């Protein structure tokens, strides 16, 4: 058990190093996802070896928070993104008249 946990810890440190040295934002995002995934595996292995079902719930909440955080980071750093919040609304009227393929007023 100790060997497996040590290997996971080394992998977490390697992902952290990749996040620090990564030249792009995508490298950092991938390293954060790798760290949270390995952290969840670490917690789940502790739950399995200690026979503690409460740690499984903690790991699931940790994974859900990591997923939502990853989506938020993608939303902020995506090309053409306006950042968090609602898009700007200029007017209520549409820019162009939309064609309805089911409109048969010309028949």
PDB file of N, CA and C in Angstrom:
ATOM      1  N   UNK A   1       0.818  -1.183   0.000  1.00  0.00           N
ATOM      2  CA  UNK A   1       0.000   0.000   0.000  1.00  0.00           C
ATOM      3  C   UNK A   1       0.866   1.251   0.000  1.00  0.00           C
ATOM      4  N   UNK A   2       1.894   1.221   0.812  1.00  0.00           N
ATOM      5  CA  UNK A   2       2.757   2.392   0.916  1.00  0.00           C
ATOM      6  C   UNK A   2       3.464   2.675  -0.406  1.00  0.00           C
ATOM      7  N   UNK A   3       3.847   1.625  -1.110  1.00  0.00           N
ATOM      8  CA  UNK A   3       4.527   1.796  -2.403  1.00  0.00           C
ATOM      9  C   UNK A   3       3.588   2.453  -3.422  1.00  0.00           C
ATOM     10  N   UNK A   4       2.342   2.025  -3.457  1.00  0.00           N
ATOM     11  CA  UNK A   4       1.371   2.597  -4.392  1.00  0.00           C
ATOM     12  C   UNK A   4       1.132   4.074  -4.082  1.00  0.00           C
ATOM     13  N   UNK A   5       0.985   4.406  -2.806  1.00  0.00           N
ATOM     14  CA  UNK A   5       0.759   5.794  -2.425  1.00  0.00           C
ATOM     15  C   UNK A   5       1.987   6.663  -2.719  1.00  0.00           C
ATOM     16  N   UNK A   6       3.171   6.098  -2.577  1.00  0.00           N
ATOM     17  CA  UNK A   6       4.387   6.840  -2.915  1.00  0.00           C
ATOM     18  C   UNK A   6       4.480   7.098  -4.417  1.00  0.00           C
ATOM     19  N   UNK A   7       4.094   6.122  -5.222  1.00  0.00           N
ATOM     20  CA  UNK A   7       4.109   6.292  -6.679  1.00  0.00           C
ATOM     21  C   UNK A   7       3.106   7.378  -7.091  1.00  0.00           C
ATOM     22  N   UNK A   8       1.925   7.368  -6.484  1.00  0.00           N
ATOM     23  CA  UNK A   8       0.930   8.398  -6.797  1.00  0.00           C
ATOM     24  C   UNK A   8       1.443   9.772  -6.379  1.00  0.00           C
ATOM     25  N   UNK A   9       2.107   9.850  -5.242  1.00  0.00           N
ATOM     26  CA  UNK A   9       2.676  11.126  -4.796  1.00  0.00           C
ATOM     27  C   UNK A   9       3.740  11.632  -5.764  1.00  0.00           C
ATOM     28  N   UNK A  10       4.576  10.740  -6.269  1.00  0.00           N
ATOM     29  CA  UNK A  10       5.599  11.127  -7.255  1.00  0.00           C
ATOM     30  C   UNK A  10       4.931  11.618  -8.544  1.00  0.00           C
ATOM     31  N   UNK A  11       3.855  10.953  -8.964  1.00  0.00           N
ATOM     32  CA  UNK A  11       3.129  11.393 -10.159  1.00  0.00           C
ATOM     33  C   UNK A  11       2.478  12.761  -9.949  1.00  0.00           C
ATOM     34  N   UNK A  12       1.972  13.019  -8.735  1.00  0.00           N
ATOM     35  CA  UNK A  12       1.400  14.332  -8.436  1.00  0.00           C
ATOM     36  C   UNK A  12       2.482  15.402  -8.513  1.00  0.00           C
ATOM     37  N   UNK A  13       3.662  15.112  -7.980  1.00  0.00           N
ATOM     38  CA  UNK A  13       4.762  16.078  -8.046  1.00  0.00           C
ATOM     39  C   UNK A  13       5.219  16.314  -9.484  1.00  0.00           C
ATOM     40  N   UNK A  14       5.219  15.256 -10.308  1.00  0.00           N
ATOM     41  CA  UNK A  14       5.588  15.418 -11.716  1.00  0.00           C
ATOM     42  C   UNK A  14       4.559  16.283 -12.455  1.00  0.00           C
ATOM     43  N   UNK A  15       3.269  16.087 -12.153  1.00  0.00           N
ATOM     44  CA  UNK A  15       2.235  16.918 -12.777  1.00  0.00           C
ATOM     45  C   UNK A  15       2.336  18.362 -12.298  1.00  0.00           C
ATOM     46  N   UNK A  16       2.696  18.556 -11.035  1.00  0.00           N
ATOM     47  CA  UNK A  16       2.883  19.913 -10.519  1.00  0.00           C
ATOM     48  C   UNK A  16       4.055  20.600 -11.204  1.00  0.00           C
ATOM     49  N   UNK A  17       5.124  19.862 -11.412  1.00  0.00           N
ATOM     50  CA  UNK A  17       6.280  20.414 -12.118  1.00  0.00           C
ATOM     51  C   UNK A  17       5.913  20.776 -13.556  1.00  0.00           C
ATOM     52  N   UNK A  18       5.125  19.938 -14.210  1.00  0.00           N
ATOM     53  CA  UNK A  18       4.687  20.232 -15.575  1.00  0.00           C
ATOM     54  C   UNK A  18       3.810  21.480 -15.611  1.00  0.00           C
ATOM     55  N   UNK A  19       2.986  21.656 -14.596  1.00  0.00           N
ATOM     56  CA  UNK A  19       2.156  22.848 -14.533  1.00  0.00           C
ATOM     57  C   UNK A  19       2.964  24.111 -14.322  1.00  0.00           C
ATOM     58  N   UNK A  20       4.029  24.009 -13.545  1.00  0.00           N
ATOM     59  CA  UNK A  20       4.875  25.180 -13.303  1.00  0.00           C
ATOM     60  C   UNK A  20       5.705  25.514 -14.536  1.00  0.00           C
ATOM     61  N   UNK A  21       6.249  24.505 -15.185  1.00  0.00           N
ATOM     62  CA  UNK A  21       7.124  24.726 -16.340  1.00  0.00           C
ATOM     63  C   UNK A  21       6.375  24.847 -17.660  1.00  0.00           C
ATOM     64  N   UNK A  22       5.111  24.459 -17.690  1.00  0.00           N
ATOM     65  CA  UNK A  22       4.346  24.470 -18.945  1.00  0.00           C
ATOM     66  C   UNK A  22       4.237  25.857 -19.539  1.00  0.00           C
ATOM     67  N   UNK A  23       4.555  25.998 -20.811  1.00  0.00           N
ATOM     68  CA  UNK A  23       4.537  27.338 -21.395  1.00  0.00           C
ATOM     69  C   UNK A  23       3.133  27.865 -21.705  1.00  0.00           C
ATOM     70  N   UNK A  24       2.161  26.982 -21.829  1.00  0.00           N
ATOM     71  CA  UNK A  24       0.826  27.446 -22.222  1.00  0.00           C
ATOM     72  C   UNK A  24      -0.175  27.229 -21.089  1.00  0.00           C
ATOM     73  N   UNK A  25      -1.313  27.898 -21.225  1.00  0.00           N
ATOM     74  CA  UNK A  25      -2.384  27.747 -20.245  1.00  0.00           C
ATOM     75  C   UNK A  25      -2.985  26.349 -20.301  1.00  0.00           C
ATOM     76  N   UNK A  26      -2.978  25.752 -21.485  1.00  0.00           N
ATOM     77  CA  UNK A  26      -3.516  24.405 -21.629  1.00  0.00           C
ATOM     78  C   UNK A  26      -2.683  23.399 -20.842  1.00  0.00           C
ATOM     79  N   UNK A  27      -1.352  23.556 -20.834  1.00  0.00           N
ATOM     80  CA  UNK A  27      -0.498  22.679 -20.031  1.00  0.00           C
ATOM     81  C   UNK A  27      -0.841  22.787 -18.555  1.00  0.00           C
ATOM     82  N   UNK A  28      -1.102  23.997 -18.112  1.00  0.00           N
ATOM     83  CA  UNK A  28      -1.443  24.202 -16.707  1.00  0.00           C
ATOM     84  C   UNK A  28      -2.806  23.595 -16.372  1.00  0.00           C
ATOM     85  N   UNK A  29      -3.750  23.724 -17.290  1.00  0.00           N
ATOM     86  CA  UNK A  29      -5.073  23.139 -17.068  1.00  0.00           C
ATOM     87  C   UNK A  29      -4.992  21.617 -17.005  1.00  0.00           C
ATOM     88  N   UNK A  30      -4.227  21.029 -17.895  1.00  0.00           N
ATOM     89  CA  UNK A  30      -4.077  19.574 -17.896  1.00  0.00           C
ATOM     90  C   UNK A  30      -3.386  19.108 -16.625  1.00  0.00           C
ATOM     91  N   UNK A  31      -2.398  19.871 -16.155  1.00  0.00           N
ATOM     92  CA  UNK A  31      -1.706  19.461 -14.933  1.00  0.00           C
ATOM     93  C   UNK A  31      -2.628  19.577 -13.716  1.00  0.00           C
ATOM     94  N   UNK A  32      -3.481  20.603 -13.680  1.00  0.00           N
ATOM     95  CA  UNK A  32      -4.438  20.721 -12.572  1.00  0.00           C
ATOM     96  C   UNK A  32      -5.410  19.547 -12.599  1.00  0.00           C
ATOM     97  N   UNK A  33      -5.887  19.187 -13.782  1.00  0.00           N
ATOM     98  CA  UNK A  33      -6.784  18.031 -13.894  1.00  0.00           C
ATOM     99  C   UNK A  33      -6.083  16.737 -13.487  1.00  0.00           C
ATOM    100  N   UNK A  34      -4.824  16.591 -13.863  1.00  0.00           N
ATOM    101  CA  UNK A  34      -4.076  15.387 -13.480  1.00  0.00           C
ATOM    102  C   UNK A  34      -3.862  15.329 -11.970  1.00  0.00           C
ATOM    103  N   UNK A  35      -3.558  16.475 -11.372  1.00  0.00           N
ATOM    104  CA  UNK A  35      -3.343  16.502  -9.924  1.00  0.00           C
ATOM    105  C   UNK A  35      -4.630  16.157  -9.179  1.00  0.00           C
ATOM    106  N   UNK A  36      -5.750  16.718  -9.601  1.00  0.00           N
ATOM    107  CA  UNK A  36      -7.005  16.421  -8.914  1.00  0.00           C
ATOM    108  C   UNK A  36      -7.440  14.969  -9.118  1.00  0.00           C
ATOM    109  N   UNK A  37      -7.168  14.427 -10.294  1.00  0.00           N
ATOM    110  CA  UNK A  37      -7.499  13.020 -10.533  1.00  0.00           C
ATOM    111  C   UNK A  37      -6.639  12.110  -9.667  1.00  0.00           C
ATOM    112  N   UNK A  38      -5.342  12.391  -9.614  1.00  0.00           N
ATOM    113  CA  UNK A  38      -4.456  11.579  -8.781  1.00  0.00           C
ATOM    114  C   UNK A  38      -4.764  11.758  -7.298  1.00  0.00           C
ATOM    115  N   UNK A  39      -5.149  12.963  -6.914  1.00  0.00           N
ATOM    116  CA  UNK A  39      -5.563  13.177  -5.524  1.00  0.00           C
ATOM    117  C   UNK A  39      -6.806  12.379  -5.171  1.00  0.00           C
ATOM    118  N   UNK A  40      -7.739  12.301  -6.103  1.00  0.00           N
ATOM    119  CA  UNK A  40      -8.950  11.499  -5.883  1.00  0.00           C
ATOM    120  C   UNK A  40      -8.612  10.016  -5.779  1.00  0.00           C
ATOM    121  N   UNK A  41      -7.706   9.553  -6.615  1.00  0.00           N
ATOM    122  CA  UNK A  41      -7.270   8.152  -6.545  1.00  0.00           C
ATOM    123  C   UNK A  41      -6.592   7.886  -5.203  1.00  0.00           C
ATOM    124  N   UNK A  42      -5.789   8.829  -4.747  1.00  0.00           N
ATOM    125  CA  UNK A  42      -5.117   8.715  -3.454  1.00  0.00           C
ATOM    126  C   UNK A  42      -6.148   8.573  -2.335  1.00  0.00           C
ATOM    127  N   UNK A  43      -7.173   9.426  -2.336  1.00  0.00           N
ATOM    128  CA  UNK A  43      -8.219   9.373  -1.310  1.00  0.00           C
ATOM    129  C   UNK A  43      -9.004   8.064  -1.408  1.00  0.00           C
ATOM    130  N   UNK A  44      -9.304   7.620  -2.631  1.00  0.00           N
ATOM    131  CA  UNK A  44     -10.054   6.373  -2.792  1.00  0.00           C
ATOM    132  C   UNK A  44      -9.245   5.157  -2.343  1.00  0.00           C
ATOM    133  N   UNK A  45      -7.945   5.166  -2.594  1.00  0.00           N
ATOM    134  CA  UNK A  45      -7.114   4.067  -2.101  1.00  0.00           C
ATOM    135  C   UNK A  45      -7.035   4.060  -0.577  1.00  0.00           C
ATOM    136  N   UNK A  46      -6.952   5.236   0.018  1.00  0.00           N
ATOM    137  CA  UNK A  46      -6.992   5.301   1.482  1.00  0.00           C
ATOM    138  C   UNK A  46      -8.317   4.765   2.013  1.00  0.00           C
ATOM    139  N   UNK A  47      -9.411   5.099   1.335  1.00  0.00           N
ATOM    140  CA  UNK A  47     -10.726   4.598   1.745  1.00  0.00           C
ATOM    141  C   UNK A  47     -10.782   3.081   1.629  1.00  0.00           C
ATOM    142  N   UNK A  48     -10.189   2.551   0.582  1.00  0.00           N
ATOM    143  CA  UNK A  48     -10.227   1.100   0.380  1.00  0.00           C
ATOM    144  C   UNK A  48      -9.390   0.370   1.431  1.00  0.00           C
ATOM    145  N   UNK A  49      -8.179   0.845   1.667  1.00  0.00           N
ATOM    146  CA  UNK A  49      -7.297   0.143   2.600  1.00  0.00           C
ATOM    147  C   UNK A  49      -7.714   0.337   4.057  1.00  0.00           C
ATOM    148  N   UNK A  50      -8.319   1.474   4.394  1.00  0.00           N
ATOM    149  CA  UNK A  50      -8.774   1.710   5.769  1.00  0.00           C
ATOM    150  C   UNK A  50     -10.213   1.263   5.991  1.00  0.00           C
ATOM    151  N   UNK A  51     -10.868   0.807   4.936  1.00  0.00           N
ATOM    152  CA  UNK A  51     -12.266   0.378   4.974  1.00  0.00           C
ATOM    153  C   UNK A  51     -13.153   1.469   5.578  1.00  0.00           C
ATOM    154  N   UNK A  52     -12.972   2.689   5.067  1.00  0.00           N
ATOM    155  CA  UNK A  52     -13.726   3.843   5.537  1.00  0.00           C
ATOM    156  C   UNK A  52     -14.555   4.381   4.374  1.00  0.00           C
ATOM    157  N   UNK A  53     -15.868   4.176   4.428  1.00  0.00           N
ATOM    158  CA  UNK A  53     -16.750   4.586   3.334  1.00  0.00           C
ATOM    159  C   UNK A  53     -16.935   6.102   3.282  1.00  0.00           C
ATOM    160  N   UNK A  54     -16.646   6.808   4.353  1.00  0.00           N
ATOM    161  CA  UNK A  54     -16.804   8.252   4.367  1.00  0.00           C
ATOM    162  C   UNK A  54     -15.830   8.958   3.445  1.00  0.00           C
ATOM    163  N   UNK A  55     -14.672   8.373   3.225  1.00  0.00           N
ATOM    164  CA  UNK A  55     -13.687   8.972   2.333  1.00  0.00           C
ATOM    165  C   UNK A  55     -14.110   8.909   0.871  1.00  0.00           C
ATOM    166  N   UNK A  56     -14.961   7.959   0.528  1.00  0.00           N
ATOM    167  CA  UNK A  56     -15.449   7.861  -0.848  1.00  0.00           C
ATOM    168  C   UNK A  56     -16.295   9.088  -1.184  1.00  0.00           C
ATOM    169  N   UNK A  57     -17.134   9.508  -0.232  1.00  0.00           N
ATOM    170  CA  UNK A  57     -17.940  10.713  -0.455  1.00  0.00           C
ATOM    171  C   UNK A  57     -17.056  11.940  -0.625  1.00  0.00           C
ATOM    172  N   UNK A  58     -16.007  12.022   0.169  1.00  0.00           N
ATOM    173  CA  UNK A  58     -15.078  13.147   0.063  1.00  0.00           C
ATOM    174  C   UNK A  58     -14.405  13.145  -1.301  1.00  0.00           C
ATOM    175  N   UNK A  59     -14.011  11.977  -1.789  1.00  0.00           N
ATOM    176  CA  UNK A  59     -13.371  11.882  -3.101  1.00  0.00           C
ATOM    177  C   UNK A  59     -14.333  12.286  -4.216  1.00  0.00           C
ATOM    178  N   UNK A  60     -15.594  11.893  -4.094  1.00  0.00           N
ATOM    179  CA  UNK A  60     -16.574  12.264  -5.118  1.00  0.00           C
ATOM    180  C   UNK A  60     -16.813  13.768  -5.145  1.00  0.00           C
ATOM    181  N   UNK A  61     -16.920  14.394  -3.985  1.00  0.00           N
ATOM    182  CA  UNK A  61     -17.103  15.844  -3.933  1.00  0.00           C
ATOM    183  C   UNK A  61     -15.867  16.543  -4.497  1.00  0.00           C
ATOM    184  N   UNK A  62     -14.694  16.017  -4.184  1.00  0.00           N
ATOM    185  CA  UNK A  62     -13.442  16.578  -4.702  1.00  0.00           C
ATOM    186  C   UNK A  62     -13.400  16.497  -6.228  1.00  0.00           C
ATOM    187  N   UNK A  63     -13.826  15.364  -6.791  1.00  0.00           N
ATOM    188  CA  UNK A  63     -13.840  15.212  -8.246  1.00  0.00           C
ATOM    189  C   UNK A  63     -14.859  16.151  -8.899  1.00  0.00           C
ATOM    190  N   UNK A  64     -16.027  16.316  -8.290  1.00  0.00           N
ATOM    191  CA  UNK A  64     -17.032  17.232  -8.842  1.00  0.00           C
ATOM    192  C   UNK A  64     -16.547  18.682  -8.805  1.00  0.00           C
ATOM    193  N   UNK A  65     -15.906  19.059  -7.710  1.00  0.00           N
ATOM    194  CA  UNK A  65     -15.358  20.427  -7.628  1.00  0.00           C
ATOM    195  C   UNK A  65     -14.264  20.634  -8.665  1.00  0.00           C
ATOM    196  N   UNK A  66     -13.436  19.627  -8.891  1.00  0.00           N
ATOM    197  CA  UNK A  66     -12.379  19.733  -9.902  1.00  0.00           C
ATOM    198  C   UNK A  66     -12.977  19.848 -11.298  1.00  0.00           C
ATOM    199  N   UNK A  67     -14.059  19.114 -11.562  1.00  0.00           N
ATOM    200  CA  UNK A  67     -14.716  19.182 -12.863  1.00  0.00           C
ATOM    201  C   UNK A  67     -15.303  20.567 -13.117  1.00  0.00           C
ATOM    202  N   UNK A  68     -16.009  21.101 -12.135  1.00  0.00           N
ATOM    203  CA  UNK A  68     -16.612  22.427 -12.283  1.00  0.00           C
ATOM    204  C   UNK A  68     -15.514  23.490 -12.403  1.00  0.00           C
ATOM    205  N   UNK A  69     -14.456  23.347 -11.639  1.00  0.00           N
ATOM    206  CA  UNK A  69     -13.341  24.289 -11.741  1.00  0.00           C
ATOM    207  C   UNK A  69     -12.664  24.237 -13.100  1.00  0.00           C
ATOM    208  N   UNK A  70     -12.519  23.040 -13.656  1.00  0.00           N
ATOM    209  CA  UNK A  70     -11.944  22.911 -15.000  1.00  0.00           C
ATOM    210  C   UNK A  70     -12.819  23.547 -16.059  1.00  0.00           C
ATOM    211  N   UNK A  71     -14.135  23.385 -15.919  1.00  0.00           N
ATOM    212  CA  UNK A  71     -15.049  24.037 -16.864  1.00  0.00           C
ATOM    213  C   UNK A  71     -14.975  25.553 -16.754  1.00  0.00           C
ATOM    214  N   UNK A  72     -14.851  26.061 -15.538  1.00  0.00           N
ATOM    215  CA  UNK A  72     -14.760  27.505 -15.349  1.00  0.00           C
ATOM    216  C   UNK A  72     -13.469  28.045 -15.957  1.00  0.00           C
ATOM    217  N   UNK A  73     -12.373  27.327 -15.751  1.00  0.00           N
ATOM    218  CA  UNK A  73     -11.097  27.761 -16.329  1.00  0.00           C
ATOM    219  C   UNK A  73     -11.177  27.769 -17.851  1.00  0.00           C
ATOM    220  N   UNK A  74     -11.807  26.751 -18.438  1.00  0.00           N
ATOM    221  CA  UNK A  74     -11.986  26.735 -19.891  1.00  0.00           C
ATOM    222  C   UNK A  74     -12.859  27.894 -20.350  1.00  0.00           C
ATOM    223  N   UNK A  75     -13.876  28.223 -19.586  1.00  0.00           N
ATOM    224  CA  UNK A  75     -14.762  29.331 -19.944  1.00  0.00           C
ATOM    225  C   UNK A  75     -14.006  30.660 -19.935  1.00  0.00           C
ATOM    226  N   UNK A  76     -13.122  30.837 -18.980  1.00  0.00           N
ATOM    227  CA  UNK A  76     -12.386  32.092 -18.872  1.00  0.00           C
ATOM    228  C   UNK A  76     -11.307  32.193 -19.939  1.00  0.00           C
ATOM    229  N   UNK A  77     -10.580  31.119 -20.192  1.00  0.00           N
ATOM    230  CA  UNK A  77      -9.432  31.171 -21.089  1.00  0.00           C
ATOM    231  C   UNK A  77      -9.721  30.758 -22.520  1.00  0.00           C
ATOM    232  N   UNK A  78     -10.974  30.443 -22.852  1.00  0.00           N
ATOM    233  CA  UNK A  78     -11.301  30.017 -24.212  1.00  0.00           C
ATOM    234  C   UNK A  78     -11.133  31.194 -25.177  1.00  0.00           C
ATOM    235  N   UNK A  79     -10.652  30.930 -26.396  1.00  0.00           N
ATOM    236  CA  UNK A  79     -10.526  32.015 -27.371  1.00  0.00           C
ATOM    237  C   UNK A  79     -11.892  32.605 -27.696  1.00  0.00           C
ATOM    238  N   UNK A  80     -11.970  33.925 -27.702  1.00  0.00           N
ATOM    239  CA  UNK A  80     -13.219  34.589 -28.003  1.00  0.00           C
ATOM    240  C   UNK A  80     -14.188  34.634 -26.842  1.00  0.00           C
ATOM    241  N   UNK A  81     -13.743  34.176 -25.685  1.00  0.00           N
ATOM    242  CA  UNK A  81     -14.616  34.170 -24.524  1.00  0.00           C
ATOM    243  C   UNK A  81     -14.722  35.570 -23.944  1.00  0.00           C
ATOM    244  N   UNK A  82     -15.889  35.893 -23.457  1.00  0.00           N
ATOM    245  CA  UNK A  82     -16.089  37.191 -22.821  1.00  0.00           C
ATOM    246  C   UNK A  82     -15.864  37.100 -21.327  1.00  0.00           C
ATOM    247  N   UNK A  83     -15.380  35.973 -20.883  1.00  0.00           N
ATOM    248  CA  UNK A  83     -15.147  35.804 -19.458  1.00  0.00           C
ATOM    249  C   UNK A  83     -16.418  35.377 -18.756  1.00  0.00           C
ATOM    250  N   UNK A  84     -16.342  35.305 -17.456  1.00  0.00           N
ATOM    251  CA  UNK A  84     -17.529  34.885 -16.717  1.00  0.00           C
ATOM    252  C   UNK A  84     -18.619  35.945 -16.789  1.00  0.00           C
ATOM    253  N   UNK A  85     -19.833  35.506 -16.758  1.00  0.00           N
ATOM    254  CA  UNK A  85     -20.957  36.441 -16.796  1.00  0.00           C
ATOM    255  C   UNK A  85     -21.795  36.246 -18.038  1.00  0.00           C
ATOM    256  N   UNK A  86     -22.778  37.108 -18.179  1.00  0.00           N
ATOM    257  CA  UNK A  86     -23.684  37.023 -19.316  1.00  0.00           C
ATOM    258  C   UNK A  86     -23.131  37.774 -20.516  1.00  0.00           C
ATOM    259  N   UNK A  87     -23.422  37.329 -21.721  1.00  0.00           N
ATOM    260  CA  UNK A  87     -23.000  38.088 -22.893  1.00  0.00           C
ATOM    261  C   UNK A  87     -23.742  39.409 -22.969  1.00  0.00           C
ATOM    262  N   UNK A  88     -23.133  40.339 -23.654  1.00  0.00           N
ATOM    263  CA  UNK A  88     -23.749  41.655 -23.766  1.00  0.00           C
ATOM    264  C   UNK A  88     -24.959  41.596 -24.688  1.00  0.00           C
ATOM    265  N   UNK A  89     -25.981  42.345 -24.320  1.00  0.00           N
ATOM    266  CA  UNK A  89     -27.199  42.427 -25.127  1.00  0.00           C
ATOM    267  C   UNK A  89     -27.319  43.863 -25.614  1.00  0.00           C
ATOM    268  N   UNK A  90     -27.306  44.057 -26.922  1.00  0.00           N
ATOM    269  CA  UNK A  90     -27.388  45.401 -27.477  1.00  0.00           C
ATOM    270  C   UNK A  90     -28.824  45.881 -27.600  1.00  0.00           C
ATOM    271  N   UNK A  91     -29.698  45.014 -28.041  1.00  0.00           N
ATOM    272  CA  UNK A  91     -31.093  45.415 -28.174  1.00  0.00           C
ATOM    273  C   UNK A  91     -31.965  44.173 -28.102  1.00  0.00           C
ATOM    274  N   UNK A  92     -33.252  44.420 -28.003  1.00  0.00           N
ATOM    275  CA  UNK A  92     -34.197  43.313 -27.946  1.00  0.00           C
ATOM    276  C   UNK A  92     -34.510  42.805 -29.351  1.00  0.00           C
ATOM    277  N   UNK A  93     -34.469  43.691 -30.320  1.00  0.00           N
ATOM    278  CA  UNK A  93     -34.793  43.330 -31.694  1.00  0.00           C
ATOM    279  C   UNK A  93     -33.668  42.494 -32.298  1.00  0.00           C
ATOM    280  N   UNK A  94     -34.020  41.482 -33.103  1.00  0.00           N
ATOM    281  CA  UNK A  94     -32.978  40.702 -33.775  1.00  0.00           C
ATOM    282  C   UNK A  94     -32.304  41.520 -34.872  1.00  0.00           C
ATOM    283  N   UNK A  95     -31.070  41.160 -35.190  1.00  0.00           N
ATOM    284  CA  UNK A  95     -30.319  41.881 -36.216  1.00  0.00           C
ATOM    285  C   UNK A  95     -30.923  41.664 -37.602  1.00  0.00           C
ATOM    286  N   UNK A  96     -31.296  40.456 -37.900  1.00  0.00           N
ATOM    287  CA  UNK A  96     -31.855  40.123 -39.208  1.00  0.00           C
ATOM    288  C   UNK A  96     -33.148  39.348 -38.996  1.00  0.00           C
ATOM    289  N   UNK A  97     -33.954  39.343 -40.044  1.00  0.00           N
ATOM    290  CA  UNK A  97     -35.151  38.528 -39.968  1.00  0.00           C
ATOM    291  C   UNK A  97     -34.751  37.081 -40.206  1.00  0.00           C
ATOM    292  N   UNK A  98     -35.140  36.229 -39.269  1.00  0.00           N
ATOM    293  CA  UNK A  98     -34.819  34.820 -39.399  1.00  0.00           C
ATOM    294  C   UNK A  98     -35.844  34.146 -40.293  1.00  0.00           C
ATOM    295  N   UNK A  99     -35.352  33.283 -41.164  1.00  0.00           N
ATOM    296  CA  UNK A  99     -36.257  32.540 -42.033  1.00  0.00           C
ATOM    297  C   UNK A  99     -36.752  31.305 -41.315  1.00  0.00           C
ATOM    298  N   UNK A 100     -38.026  31.080 -41.414  1.00  0.00           N
ATOM    299  CA  UNK A 100     -38.624  29.901 -40.834  1.00  0.00           C
ATOM    300  C   UNK A 100     -38.911  28.918 -41.967  1.00  0.00           C
ATOM    301  N   UNK A 101     -38.292  27.743 -41.966  1.00  0.00           N
ATOM    302  CA  UNK A 101     -38.535  26.798 -43.074  1.00  0.00           C
ATOM    303  C   UNK A 101     -39.958  26.270 -43.083  1.00  0.00           C
ATOM    304  N   UNK A 102     -40.686  26.380 -41.985  1.00  0.00           N
ATOM    305  CA  UNK A 102     -42.049  25.884 -41.933  1.00  0.00           C
ATOM    306  C   UNK A 102     -43.089  26.957 -42.297  1.00  0.00           C
ATOM    307  N   UNK A 103     -42.613  28.164 -42.580  1.00  0.00           N
ATOM    308  CA  UNK A 103     -43.513  29.252 -42.922  1.00  0.00           C
ATOM    309  C   UNK A 103     -43.986  29.085 -44.377  1.00  0.00           C
ATOM    310  N   UNK A 104     -45.281  28.955 -44.578  1.00  0.00           N
ATOM    311  CA  UNK A 104     -45.830  28.748 -45.920  1.00  0.00           C
ATOM    312  C   UNK A 104     -46.768  29.883 -46.281  1.00  0.00           C
ATOM    313  N   UNK A 105     -46.404  31.104 -45.969  1.00  0.00           N
ATOM    314  CA  UNK A 105     -47.270  32.235 -46.257  1.00  0.00           C
ATOM    315  C   UNK A 105     -47.284  32.587 -47.734  1.00  0.00           C
ATOM    316  N   UNK A 106     -46.288  32.117 -48.512  1.00  0.00           N
ATOM    317  CA  UNK A 106     -46.218  32.452 -49.936  1.00  0.00           C
ATOM    318  C   UNK A 106     -46.974  31.454 -50.805  1.00  0.00           C
ATOM    319  N   UNK A 107     -47.617  30.493 -50.235  1.00  0.00           N
ATOM    320  CA  UNK A 107     -48.341  29.486 -51.027  1.00  0.00           C
ATOM    321  C   UNK A 107     -49.735  29.953 -51.343  1.00  0.00           C
TER     322      UNK A 107
END
